[in-house]
Amino acid sequence: MITKEKIIDTLQLCYDPEIPIDLWNLGLIYDINFDENNISILMTLTTPGCTMINVIADDVKQKLLNLEGVESVEVNVTFDPVWTPEMMTETGREKLGFSVKKNKKNDKEENWE
């Protein structure tokens, strides 16, 4: 049976060839839809001019097709909204060495270094 957790686990095996972080933790996956046998992914890339668009989308598709019970996978790439580093998960930020400045008055996140 297909579950969102299995899909996310699989997406964490897909990488942007130029960045050593998986697509999920980079925040490139915008939407996941699935039923018993079909998966649809809406994703983006870090830049609209990325020449690896087909390689990355095909990698996502092939890895998801390897999940038990999956009959079809549709991968759509959009650039709306445009990806920004703030879309990364905390894990992705840590792996890339991003840190968050804290406002000393109220200890809230202020901006990225």
PDB file of N, CA and C in Angstrom:
ATOM      1  N   MET A   1       0.834  -1.183   0.000  1.00  0.00           N
ATOM      2  CA  MET A   1       0.000   0.000   0.000  1.00  0.00           C
ATOM      3  C   MET A   1       0.882   1.252   0.000  1.00  0.00           C
ATOM      4  N   ILE A   2       0.547   2.194  -0.847  1.00  0.00           N
ATOM      5  CA  ILE A   2       1.291   3.436  -0.938  1.00  0.00           C
ATOM      6  C   ILE A   2       0.891   4.347   0.226  1.00  0.00           C
ATOM      7  N   THR A   3       1.903   4.916   0.877  1.00  0.00           N
ATOM      8  CA  THR A   3       1.649   5.895   1.928  1.00  0.00           C
ATOM      9  C   THR A   3       2.496   7.140   1.655  1.00  0.00           C
ATOM     10  N   LYS A   4       2.072   8.240   2.227  1.00  0.00           N
ATOM     11  CA  LYS A   4       2.839   9.476   2.063  1.00  0.00           C
ATOM     12  C   LYS A   4       4.248   9.305   2.635  1.00  0.00           C
ATOM     13  N   GLU A   5       4.355   8.579   3.740  1.00  0.00           N
ATOM     14  CA  GLU A   5       5.656   8.368   4.351  1.00  0.00           C
ATOM     15  C   GLU A   5       6.598   7.606   3.415  1.00  0.00           C
ATOM     16  N   LYS A   6       6.081   6.586   2.720  1.00  0.00           N
ATOM     17  CA  LYS A   6       6.906   5.833   1.766  1.00  0.00           C
ATOM     18  C   LYS A   6       7.336   6.723   0.607  1.00  0.00           C
ATOM     19  N   ILE A   7       6.434   7.578   0.156  1.00  0.00           N
ATOM     20  CA  ILE A   7       6.760   8.499  -0.938  1.00  0.00           C
ATOM     21  C   ILE A   7       7.851   9.463  -0.491  1.00  0.00           C
ATOM     22  N   ILE A   8       7.705  10.043   0.692  1.00  0.00           N
ATOM     23  CA  ILE A   8       8.707  10.983   1.199  1.00  0.00           C
ATOM     24  C   ILE A   8      10.041  10.280   1.403  1.00  0.00           C
ATOM     25  N   ASP A   9      10.019   9.076   1.955  1.00  0.00           N
ATOM     26  CA  ASP A   9      11.262   8.317   2.122  1.00  0.00           C
ATOM     27  C   ASP A   9      11.970   8.120   0.781  1.00  0.00           C
ATOM     28  N   THR A  10      11.199   7.855  -0.263  1.00  0.00           N
ATOM     29  CA  THR A  10      11.766   7.672  -1.597  1.00  0.00           C
ATOM     30  C   THR A  10      12.298   8.985  -2.147  1.00  0.00           C
ATOM     31  N   LEU A  11      11.559  10.076  -1.947  1.00  0.00           N
ATOM     32  CA  LEU A  11      12.019  11.384  -2.418  1.00  0.00           C
ATOM     33  C   LEU A  11      13.316  11.800  -1.731  1.00  0.00           C
ATOM     34  N   GLN A  12      13.542  11.293  -0.538  1.00  0.00           N
ATOM     35  CA  GLN A  12      14.788  11.598   0.169  1.00  0.00           C
ATOM     36  C   GLN A  12      15.980  10.836  -0.406  1.00  0.00           C
ATOM     37  N   LEU A  13      15.724   9.992  -1.402  1.00  0.00           N
ATOM     38  CA  LEU A  13      16.785   9.292  -2.122  1.00  0.00           C
ATOM     39  C   LEU A  13      17.102   9.970  -3.450  1.00  0.00           C
ATOM     40  N   CYS A  14      16.369  11.033  -3.780  1.00  0.00           N
ATOM     41  CA  CYS A  14      16.542  11.764  -5.040  1.00  0.00           C
ATOM     42  C   CYS A  14      17.295  13.061  -4.753  1.00  0.00           C
ATOM     43  N   TYR A  15      18.338  13.310  -5.527  1.00  0.00           N
ATOM     44  CA  TYR A  15      19.205  14.459  -5.281  1.00  0.00           C
ATOM     45  C   TYR A  15      19.309  15.368  -6.491  1.00  0.00           C
ATOM     46  N   ASP A  16      19.507  16.644  -6.203  1.00  0.00           N
ATOM     47  CA  ASP A  16      19.938  17.590  -7.216  1.00  0.00           C
ATOM     48  C   ASP A  16      21.421  17.282  -7.414  1.00  0.00           C
ATOM     49  N   PRO A  17      21.867  16.984  -8.639  1.00  0.00           N
ATOM     50  CA  PRO A  17      23.266  16.587  -8.843  1.00  0.00           C
ATOM     51  C   PRO A  17      24.289  17.642  -8.419  1.00  0.00           C
ATOM     52  N   GLU A  18      23.862  18.898  -8.311  1.00  0.00           N
ATOM     53  CA  GLU A  18      24.803  19.962  -7.967  1.00  0.00           C
ATOM     54  C   GLU A  18      24.801  20.311  -6.482  1.00  0.00           C
ATOM     55  N   ILE A  19      23.847  19.763  -5.727  1.00  0.00           N
ATOM     56  CA  ILE A  19      23.728  20.086  -4.302  1.00  0.00           C
ATOM     57  C   ILE A  19      23.607  18.770  -3.535  1.00  0.00           C
ATOM     58  N   PRO A  20      24.403  18.569  -2.507  1.00  0.00           N
ATOM     59  CA  PRO A  20      24.403  17.281  -1.800  1.00  0.00           C
ATOM     60  C   PRO A  20      23.261  17.124  -0.785  1.00  0.00           C
ATOM     61  N   ILE A  21      22.086  17.616  -1.148  1.00  0.00           N
ATOM     62  CA  ILE A  21      20.909  17.518  -0.285  1.00  0.00           C
ATOM     63  C   ILE A  21      19.779  16.921  -1.127  1.00  0.00           C
ATOM     64  N   ASP A  22      18.973  16.046  -0.520  1.00  0.00           N
ATOM     65  CA  ASP A  22      17.878  15.438  -1.265  1.00  0.00           C
ATOM     66  C   ASP A  22      16.779  16.461  -1.574  1.00  0.00           C
ATOM     67  N   LEU A  23      15.968  16.139  -2.574  1.00  0.00           N
ATOM     68  CA  LEU A  23      14.926  17.057  -3.050  1.00  0.00           C
ATOM     69  C   LEU A  23      13.921  17.418  -1.967  1.00  0.00           C
ATOM     70  N   TRP A  24      13.581  16.447  -1.109  1.00  0.00           N
ATOM     71  CA  TRP A  24      12.605  16.706  -0.048  1.00  0.00           C
ATOM     72  C   TRP A  24      13.142  17.762   0.920  1.00  0.00           C
ATOM     73  N   ASN A  25      14.352  17.576   1.406  1.00  0.00           N
ATOM     74  CA  ASN A  25      14.922  18.500   2.378  1.00  0.00           C
ATOM     75  C   ASN A  25      15.340  19.831   1.769  1.00  0.00           C
ATOM     76  N   LEU A  26      15.544  19.854   0.455  1.00  0.00           N
ATOM     77  CA  LEU A  26      15.777  21.132  -0.221  1.00  0.00           C
ATOM     78  C   LEU A  26      14.484  21.947  -0.322  1.00  0.00           C
ATOM     79  N   GLY A  27      13.351  21.303  -0.108  1.00  0.00           N
ATOM     80  CA  GLY A  27      12.076  22.008  -0.219  1.00  0.00           C
ATOM     81  C   GLY A  27      11.594  22.131  -1.653  1.00  0.00           C
ATOM     82  N   LEU A  28      12.049  21.237  -2.510  1.00  0.00           N
ATOM     83  CA  LEU A  28      11.680  21.299  -3.927  1.00  0.00           C
ATOM     84  C   LEU A  28      10.368  20.593  -4.242  1.00  0.00           C
ATOM     85  N   ILE A  29       9.833  19.845  -3.302  1.00  0.00           N
ATOM     86  CA  ILE A  29       8.574  19.134  -3.525  1.00  0.00           C
ATOM     87  C   ILE A  29       7.435  20.006  -3.011  1.00  0.00           C
ATOM     88  N   TYR A  30       6.586  20.449  -3.919  1.00  0.00           N
ATOM     89  CA  TYR A  30       5.482  21.334  -3.552  1.00  0.00           C
ATOM     90  C   TYR A  30       4.209  20.579  -3.196  1.00  0.00           C
ATOM     91  N   ASP A  31       3.958  19.441  -3.857  1.00  0.00           N
ATOM     92  CA  ASP A  31       2.706  18.730  -3.608  1.00  0.00           C
ATOM     93  C   ASP A  31       2.869  17.256  -3.958  1.00  0.00           C
ATOM     94  N   ILE A  32       2.204  16.419  -3.184  1.00  0.00           N
ATOM     95  CA  ILE A  32       2.173  14.971  -3.414  1.00  0.00           C
ATOM     96  C   ILE A  32       0.716  14.545  -3.414  1.00  0.00           C
ATOM     97  N   ASN A  33       0.278  13.928  -4.500  1.00  0.00           N
ATOM     98  CA  ASN A  33      -1.059  13.346  -4.570  1.00  0.00           C
ATOM     99  C   ASN A  33      -0.904  11.885  -4.954  1.00  0.00           C
ATOM    100  N   PHE A  34      -1.726  11.041  -4.343  1.00  0.00           N
ATOM    101  CA  PHE A  34      -1.634   9.618  -4.668  1.00  0.00           C
ATOM    102  C   PHE A  34      -2.946   8.921  -4.335  1.00  0.00           C
ATOM    103  N   ASP A  35      -3.136   7.790  -5.013  1.00  0.00           N
ATOM    104  CA  ASP A  35      -4.235   6.892  -4.672  1.00  0.00           C
ATOM    105  C   ASP A  35      -3.629   5.494  -4.566  1.00  0.00           C
ATOM    106  N   GLU A  36      -4.408   4.479  -4.752  1.00  0.00           N
ATOM    107  CA  GLU A  36      -3.907   3.115  -4.555  1.00  0.00           C
ATOM    108  C   GLU A  36      -2.706   2.750  -5.420  1.00  0.00           C
ATOM    109  N   ASN A  37      -2.653   3.248  -6.665  1.00  0.00           N
ATOM    110  CA  ASN A  37      -1.604   2.813  -7.578  1.00  0.00           C
ATOM    111  C   ASN A  37      -0.893   3.941  -8.321  1.00  0.00           C
ATOM    112  N   ASN A  38      -1.299   5.173  -8.094  1.00  0.00           N
ATOM    113  CA  ASN A  38      -0.786   6.286  -8.892  1.00  0.00           C
ATOM    114  C   ASN A  38      -0.273   7.406  -7.996  1.00  0.00           C
ATOM    115  N   ILE A  39       0.820   8.026  -8.441  1.00  0.00           N
ATOM    116  CA  ILE A  39       1.412   9.134  -7.698  1.00  0.00           C
ATOM    117  C   ILE A  39       1.581  10.309  -8.644  1.00  0.00           C
ATOM    118  N   SER A  40       1.280  11.496  -8.127  1.00  0.00           N
ATOM    119  CA  SER A  40       1.516  12.731  -8.867  1.00  0.00           C
ATOM    120  C   SER A  40       2.326  13.665  -7.976  1.00  0.00           C
ATOM    121  N   ILE A  41       3.432  14.157  -8.522  1.00  0.00           N
ATOM    122  CA  ILE A  41       4.336  15.036  -7.796  1.00  0.00           C
ATOM    123  C   ILE A  41       4.387  16.380  -8.498  1.00  0.00           C
ATOM    124  N   LEU A  42       4.251  17.450  -7.725  1.00  0.00           N
ATOM    125  CA  LEU A  42       4.483  18.802  -8.223  1.00  0.00           C
ATOM    126  C   LEU A  42       5.740  19.289  -7.527  1.00  0.00           C
ATOM    127  N   MET A  43       6.722  19.653  -8.325  1.00  0.00           N
ATOM    128  CA  MET A  43       8.007  20.039  -7.752  1.00  0.00           C
ATOM    129  C   MET A  43       8.597  21.216  -8.506  1.00  0.00           C
ATOM    130  N   THR A  44       9.676  21.725  -7.980  1.00  0.00           N
ATOM    131  CA  THR A  44      10.405  22.795  -8.634  1.00  0.00           C
ATOM    132  C   THR A  44      11.885  22.457  -8.607  1.00  0.00           C
ATOM    133  N   LEU A  45      12.687  23.348  -9.103  1.00  0.00           N
ATOM    134  CA  LEU A  45      14.135  23.222  -9.047  1.00  0.00           C
ATOM    135  C   LEU A  45      14.688  24.497  -8.423  1.00  0.00           C
ATOM    136  N   THR A  46      15.944  24.478  -8.056  1.00  0.00           N
ATOM    137  CA  THR A  46      16.502  25.639  -7.374  1.00  0.00           C
ATOM    138  C   THR A  46      16.621  26.855  -8.285  1.00  0.00           C
ATOM    139  N   THR A  47      16.634  26.629  -9.587  1.00  0.00           N
ATOM    140  CA  THR A  47      16.713  27.733 -10.533  1.00  0.00           C
ATOM    141  C   THR A  47      15.975  27.354 -11.819  1.00  0.00           C
ATOM    142  N   PRO A  48      15.234  28.300 -12.405  1.00  0.00           N
ATOM    143  CA  PRO A  48      14.509  27.995 -13.644  1.00  0.00           C
ATOM    144  C   PRO A  48      15.418  27.591 -14.801  1.00  0.00           C
ATOM    145  N   GLY A  49      16.668  28.002 -14.790  1.00  0.00           N
ATOM    146  CA  GLY A  49      17.588  27.678 -15.874  1.00  0.00           C
ATOM    147  C   GLY A  49      18.316  26.358 -15.700  1.00  0.00           C
ATOM    148  N   CYS A  50      17.906  25.548 -14.747  1.00  0.00           N
ATOM    149  CA  CYS A  50      18.591  24.286 -14.473  1.00  0.00           C
ATOM    150  C   CYS A  50      18.514  23.361 -15.685  1.00  0.00           C
ATOM    151  N   THR A  51      19.660  22.939 -16.163  1.00  0.00           N
ATOM    152  CA  THR A  51      19.702  22.060 -17.336  1.00  0.00           C
ATOM    153  C   THR A  51      19.450  20.600 -16.980  1.00  0.00           C
ATOM    154  N   MET A  52      19.362  20.305 -15.674  1.00  0.00           N
ATOM    155  CA  MET A  52      19.171  18.928 -15.217  1.00  0.00           C
ATOM    156  C   MET A  52      17.689  18.593 -14.996  1.00  0.00           C
ATOM    157  N   ILE A  53      16.805  19.431 -15.475  1.00  0.00           N
ATOM    158  CA  ILE A  53      15.374  19.278 -15.209  1.00  0.00           C
ATOM    159  C   ILE A  53      14.866  17.880 -15.557  1.00  0.00           C
ATOM    160  N   ASN A  54      15.203  17.386 -16.732  1.00  0.00           N
ATOM    161  CA  ASN A  54      14.713  16.067 -17.156  1.00  0.00           C
ATOM    162  C   ASN A  54      15.367  14.941 -16.362  1.00  0.00           C
ATOM    163  N   VAL A  55      16.646  15.074 -16.059  1.00  0.00           N
ATOM    164  CA  VAL A  55      17.361  14.054 -15.284  1.00  0.00           C
ATOM    165  C   VAL A  55      16.756  13.929 -13.894  1.00  0.00           C
ATOM    166  N   ILE A  56      16.504  15.065 -13.240  1.00  0.00           N
ATOM    167  CA  ILE A  56      15.958  15.059 -11.890  1.00  0.00           C
ATOM    168  C   ILE A  56      14.533  14.516 -11.889  1.00  0.00           C
ATOM    169  N   ALA A  57      13.689  14.994 -12.805  1.00  0.00           N
ATOM    170  CA  ALA A  57      12.300  14.531 -12.878  1.00  0.00           C
ATOM    171  C   ALA A  57      12.239  13.031 -13.192  1.00  0.00           C
ATOM    172  N   ASP A  58      13.097  12.554 -14.096  1.00  0.00           N
ATOM    173  CA  ASP A  58      13.123  11.123 -14.420  1.00  0.00           C
ATOM    174  C   ASP A  58      13.592  10.285 -13.236  1.00  0.00           C
ATOM    175  N   ASP A  59      14.541  10.794 -12.465  1.00  0.00           N
ATOM    176  CA  ASP A  59      15.010  10.084 -11.284  1.00  0.00           C
ATOM    177  C   ASP A  59      13.878   9.930 -10.271  1.00  0.00           C
ATOM    178  N   VAL A  60      13.131  11.006 -10.047  1.00  0.00           N
ATOM    179  CA  VAL A  60      11.978  10.952  -9.141  1.00  0.00           C
ATOM    180  C   VAL A  60      10.989   9.904  -9.628  1.00  0.00           C
ATOM    181  N   LYS A  61      10.663   9.971 -10.909  1.00  0.00           N
ATOM    182  CA  LYS A  61       9.686   9.038 -11.473  1.00  0.00           C
ATOM    183  C   LYS A  61      10.143   7.587 -11.339  1.00  0.00           C
ATOM    184  N   GLN A  62      11.365   7.311 -11.713  1.00  0.00           N
ATOM    185  CA  GLN A  62      11.856   5.931 -11.676  1.00  0.00           C
ATOM    186  C   GLN A  62      11.921   5.382 -10.257  1.00  0.00           C
ATOM    187  N   LYS A  63      12.355   6.178  -9.321  1.00  0.00           N
ATOM    188  CA  LYS A  63      12.437   5.695  -7.936  1.00  0.00           C
ATOM    189  C   LYS A  63      11.041   5.444  -7.364  1.00  0.00           C
ATOM    190  N   LEU A  64      10.092   6.305  -7.684  1.00  0.00           N
ATOM    191  CA  LEU A  64       8.724   6.102  -7.185  1.00  0.00           C
ATOM    192  C   LEU A  64       8.052   4.906  -7.859  1.00  0.00           C
ATOM    193  N   LEU A  65       8.367   4.667  -9.124  1.00  0.00           N
ATOM    194  CA  LEU A  65       7.812   3.493  -9.817  1.00  0.00           C
ATOM    195  C   LEU A  65       8.309   2.189  -9.201  1.00  0.00           C
ATOM    196  N   ASN A  66       9.413   2.234  -8.494  1.00  0.00           N
ATOM    197  CA  ASN A  66       9.947   1.038  -7.839  1.00  0.00           C
ATOM    198  C   ASN A  66       9.218   0.690  -6.545  1.00  0.00           C
ATOM    199  N   LEU A  67       8.374   1.594  -6.055  1.00  0.00           N
ATOM    200  CA  LEU A  67       7.589   1.276  -4.860  1.00  0.00           C
ATOM    201  C   LEU A  67       6.560   0.204  -5.192  1.00  0.00           C
ATOM    202  N   GLU A  68       6.378  -0.721  -4.285  1.00  0.00           N
ATOM    203  CA  GLU A  68       5.424  -1.802  -4.491  1.00  0.00           C
ATOM    204  C   GLU A  68       4.014  -1.242  -4.706  1.00  0.00           C
ATOM    205  N   GLY A  69       3.365  -1.703  -5.765  1.00  0.00           N
ATOM    206  CA  GLY A  69       1.992  -1.317  -6.054  1.00  0.00           C
ATOM    207  C   GLY A  69       1.839  -0.088  -6.927  1.00  0.00           C
ATOM    208  N   VAL A  70       2.908   0.643  -7.163  1.00  0.00           N
ATOM    209  CA  VAL A  70       2.815   1.858  -7.981  1.00  0.00           C
ATOM    210  C   VAL A  70       2.783   1.471  -9.453  1.00  0.00           C
ATOM    211  N   GLU A  71       1.744   1.950 -10.140  1.00  0.00           N
ATOM    212  CA  GLU A  71       1.590   1.674 -11.571  1.00  0.00           C
ATOM    213  C   GLU A  71       1.975   2.866 -12.433  1.00  0.00           C
ATOM    214  N   SER A  72       1.751   4.075 -11.925  1.00  0.00           N
ATOM    215  CA  SER A  72       2.099   5.258 -12.716  1.00  0.00           C
ATOM    216  C   SER A  72       2.541   6.392 -11.811  1.00  0.00           C
ATOM    217  N   VAL A  73       3.456   7.189 -12.357  1.00  0.00           N
ATOM    218  CA  VAL A  73       3.957   8.368 -11.665  1.00  0.00           C
ATOM    219  C   VAL A  73       3.984   9.511 -12.656  1.00  0.00           C
ATOM    220  N   GLU A  74       3.425  10.630 -12.232  1.00  0.00           N
ATOM    221  CA  GLU A  74       3.458  11.851 -13.032  1.00  0.00           C
ATOM    222  C   GLU A  74       4.247  12.881 -12.240  1.00  0.00           C
ATOM    223  N   VAL A  75       5.269  13.459 -12.887  1.00  0.00           N
ATOM    224  CA  VAL A  75       6.082  14.486 -12.249  1.00  0.00           C
ATOM    225  C   VAL A  75       5.931  15.769 -13.057  1.00  0.00           C
ATOM    226  N   ASN A  76       5.413  16.795 -12.406  1.00  0.00           N
ATOM    227  CA  ASN A  76       5.261  18.105 -13.039  1.00  0.00           C
ATOM    228  C   ASN A  76       6.187  19.092 -12.350  1.00  0.00           C
ATOM    229  N   VAL A  77       6.880  19.889 -13.159  1.00  0.00           N
ATOM    230  CA  VAL A  77       7.803  20.884 -12.634  1.00  0.00           C
ATOM    231  C   VAL A  77       7.211  22.264 -12.869  1.00  0.00           C
ATOM    232  N   THR A  78       7.245  23.071 -11.825  1.00  0.00           N
ATOM    233  CA  THR A  78       6.746  24.443 -11.900  1.00  0.00           C
ATOM    234  C   THR A  78       7.789  25.380 -11.305  1.00  0.00           C
ATOM    235  N   PHE A  79       7.689  26.637 -11.645  1.00  0.00           N
ATOM    236  CA  PHE A  79       8.549  27.647 -11.036  1.00  0.00           C
ATOM    237  C   PHE A  79       7.702  28.737 -10.388  1.00  0.00           C
ATOM    238  N   ASP A  80       6.488  28.356 -10.012  1.00  0.00           N
ATOM    239  CA  ASP A  80       5.568  29.271  -9.347  1.00  0.00           C
ATOM    240  C   ASP A  80       5.036  28.599  -8.095  1.00  0.00           C
ATOM    241  N   PRO A  81       5.511  28.944  -6.941  1.00  0.00           N
ATOM    242  CA  PRO A  81       6.445  30.044  -6.675  1.00  0.00           C
ATOM    243  C   PRO A  81       7.887  29.622  -6.939  1.00  0.00           C
ATOM    244  N   VAL A  82       8.714  30.618  -7.121  1.00  0.00           N
ATOM    245  CA  VAL A  82      10.135  30.381  -7.310  1.00  0.00           C
ATOM    246  C   VAL A  82      10.724  29.890  -5.986  1.00  0.00           C
ATOM    247  N   TRP A  83      11.591  28.893  -6.059  1.00  0.00           N
ATOM    248  CA  TRP A  83      12.214  28.331  -4.863  1.00  0.00           C
ATOM    249  C   TRP A  83      13.128  29.353  -4.201  1.00  0.00           C
ATOM    250  N   THR A  84      13.117  29.352  -2.875  1.00  0.00           N
ATOM    251  CA  THR A  84      14.048  30.152  -2.082  1.00  0.00           C
ATOM    252  C   THR A  84      14.606  29.268  -0.969  1.00  0.00           C
ATOM    253  N   PRO A  85      15.767  29.593  -0.413  1.00  0.00           N
ATOM    254  CA  PRO A  85      16.346  28.769   0.647  1.00  0.00           C
ATOM    255  C   PRO A  85      15.441  28.607   1.864  1.00  0.00           C
ATOM    256  N   GLU A  86      14.550  29.527   2.101  1.00  0.00           N
ATOM    257  CA  GLU A  86      13.637  29.411   3.240  1.00  0.00           C
ATOM    258  C   GLU A  86      12.700  28.224   3.109  1.00  0.00           C
ATOM    259  N   MET A  87      12.578  27.641   1.931  1.00  0.00           N
ATOM    260  CA  MET A  87      11.703  26.491   1.705  1.00  0.00           C
ATOM    261  C   MET A  87      12.318  25.175   2.175  1.00  0.00           C
ATOM    262  N   MET A  88      13.606  25.198   2.488  1.00  0.00           N
ATOM    263  CA  MET A  88      14.272  23.979   2.941  1.00  0.00           C
ATOM    264  C   MET A  88      13.765  23.566   4.318  1.00  0.00           C
ATOM    265  N   THR A  89      13.859  22.275   4.579  1.00  0.00           N
ATOM    266  CA  THR A  89      13.564  21.780   5.929  1.00  0.00           C
ATOM    267  C   THR A  89      14.713  22.179   6.844  1.00  0.00           C
ATOM    268  N   GLU A  90      14.502  22.050   8.118  1.00  0.00           N
ATOM    269  CA  GLU A  90      15.572  22.336   9.078  1.00  0.00           C
ATOM    270  C   GLU A  90      16.776  21.424   8.806  1.00  0.00           C
ATOM    271  N   THR A  91      16.513  20.178   8.466  1.00  0.00           N
ATOM    272  CA  THR A  91      17.594  19.233   8.135  1.00  0.00           C
ATOM    273  C   THR A  91      18.394  19.735   6.942  1.00  0.00           C
ATOM    274  N   GLY A  92      17.709  20.204   5.913  1.00  0.00           N
ATOM    275  CA  GLY A  92      18.382  20.731   4.734  1.00  0.00           C
ATOM    276  C   GLY A  92      19.231  21.946   5.053  1.00  0.00           C
ATOM    277  N   ARG A  93      18.685  22.839   5.867  1.00  0.00           N
ATOM    278  CA  ARG A  93      19.431  24.042   6.262  1.00  0.00           C
ATOM    279  C   ARG A  93      20.706  23.662   7.025  1.00  0.00           C
ATOM    280  N   GLU A  94      20.572  22.724   7.941  1.00  0.00           N
ATOM    281  CA  GLU A  94      21.732  22.300   8.729  1.00  0.00           C
ATOM    282  C   GLU A  94      22.799  21.672   7.844  1.00  0.00           C
ATOM    283  N   LYS A  95      22.385  20.830   6.883  1.00  0.00           N
ATOM    284  CA  LYS A  95      23.341  20.158   6.007  1.00  0.00           C
ATOM    285  C   LYS A  95      24.103  21.155   5.136  1.00  0.00           C
ATOM    286  N   LEU A  96      23.455  22.263   4.772  1.00  0.00           N
ATOM    287  CA  LEU A  96      24.109  23.275   3.948  1.00  0.00           C
ATOM    288  C   LEU A  96      24.830  24.329   4.785  1.00  0.00           C
ATOM    289  N   GLY A  97      24.727  24.223   6.105  1.00  0.00           N
ATOM    290  CA  GLY A  97      25.445  25.144   6.969  1.00  0.00           C
ATOM    291  C   GLY A  97      24.754  26.481   7.170  1.00  0.00           C
ATOM    292  N   PHE A  98      23.463  26.577   6.810  1.00  0.00           N
ATOM    293  CA  PHE A  98      22.723  27.809   7.075  1.00  0.00           C
ATOM    294  C   PHE A  98      22.488  27.928   8.569  1.00  0.00           C
ATOM    295  N   SER A  99      22.550  29.121   9.055  1.00  0.00           N
ATOM    296  CA  SER A  99      22.192  29.351  10.457  1.00  0.00           C
ATOM    297  C   SER A  99      21.181  30.485  10.497  1.00  0.00           C
ATOM    298  N   VAL A 100      20.433  30.521  11.561  1.00  0.00           N
ATOM    299  CA  VAL A 100      19.411  31.534  11.716  1.00  0.00           C
ATOM    300  C   VAL A 100      19.853  32.485  12.814  1.00  0.00           C
ATOM    301  N   LYS A 101      19.855  33.784  12.506  1.00  0.00           N
ATOM    302  CA  LYS A 101      20.151  34.785  13.522  1.00  0.00           C
ATOM    303  C   LYS A 101      18.956  34.919  14.444  1.00  0.00           C
ATOM    304  N   LYS A 102      19.217  35.077  15.701  1.00  0.00           N
ATOM    305  CA  LYS A 102      18.152  35.296  16.679  1.00  0.00           C
ATOM    306  C   LYS A 102      18.148  36.754  17.088  1.00  0.00           C
ATOM    307  N   ASN A 103      16.962  37.322  17.172  1.00  0.00           N
ATOM    308  CA  ASN A 103      16.795  38.672  17.679  1.00  0.00           C
ATOM    309  C   ASN A 103      16.960  38.587  19.186  1.00  0.00           C
ATOM    310  N   LYS A 104      17.944  39.241  19.723  1.00  0.00           N
ATOM    311  CA  LYS A 104      18.254  39.103  21.143  1.00  0.00           C
ATOM    312  C   LYS A 104      17.133  39.595  22.045  1.00  0.00           C
ATOM    313  N   LYS A 105      16.316  40.541  21.588  1.00  0.00           N
ATOM    314  CA  LYS A 105      15.244  41.066  22.431  1.00  0.00           C
ATOM    315  C   LYS A 105      14.152  40.045  22.680  1.00  0.00           C
ATOM    316  N   ASN A 106      13.755  39.320  21.616  1.00  0.00           N
ATOM    317  CA  ASN A 106      12.649  38.385  21.806  1.00  0.00           C
ATOM    318  C   ASN A 106      12.946  36.984  21.299  1.00  0.00           C
ATOM    319  N   ASP A 107      14.211  36.728  20.927  1.00  0.00           N
ATOM    320  CA  ASP A 107      14.677  35.403  20.507  1.00  0.00           C
ATOM    321  C   ASP A 107      13.882  34.836  19.343  1.00  0.00           C
ATOM    322  N   LYS A 108      13.379  35.697  18.458  1.00  0.00           N
ATOM    323  CA  LYS A 108      12.675  35.240  17.259  1.00  0.00           C
ATOM    324  C   LYS A 108      13.644  35.134  16.096  1.00  0.00           C
ATOM    325  N   GLU A 109      13.301  34.251  15.139  1.00  0.00           N
ATOM    326  CA  GLU A 109      14.124  34.149  13.936  1.00  0.00           C
ATOM    327  C   GLU A 109      14.044  35.472  13.204  1.00  0.00           C
ATOM    328  N   GLU A 110      15.209  35.988  12.780  1.00  0.00           N
ATOM    329  CA  GLU A 110      15.229  37.278  12.133  1.00  0.00           C
ATOM    330  C   GLU A 110      15.528  37.160  10.643  1.00  0.00           C
ATOM    331  N   ASN A 111      16.695  36.658  10.283  1.00  0.00           N
ATOM    332  CA  ASN A 111      17.035  36.490   8.873  1.00  0.00           C
ATOM    333  C   ASN A 111      18.202  35.532   8.737  1.00  0.00           C
ATOM    334  N   TRP A 112      18.414  35.090   7.502  1.00  0.00           N
ATOM    335  CA  TRP A 112      19.441  34.092   7.220  1.00  0.00           C
ATOM    336  C   TRP A 112      20.792  34.754   7.093  1.00  0.00           C
ATOM    337  N   GLU A 113      21.832  34.057   7.548  1.00  0.00           N
ATOM    338  CA  GLU A 113      23.196  34.535   7.366  1.00  0.00           C
ATOM    339  C   GLU A 113      23.666  34.120   5.999  1.00  0.00           C
TER     340      GLU A 113
END
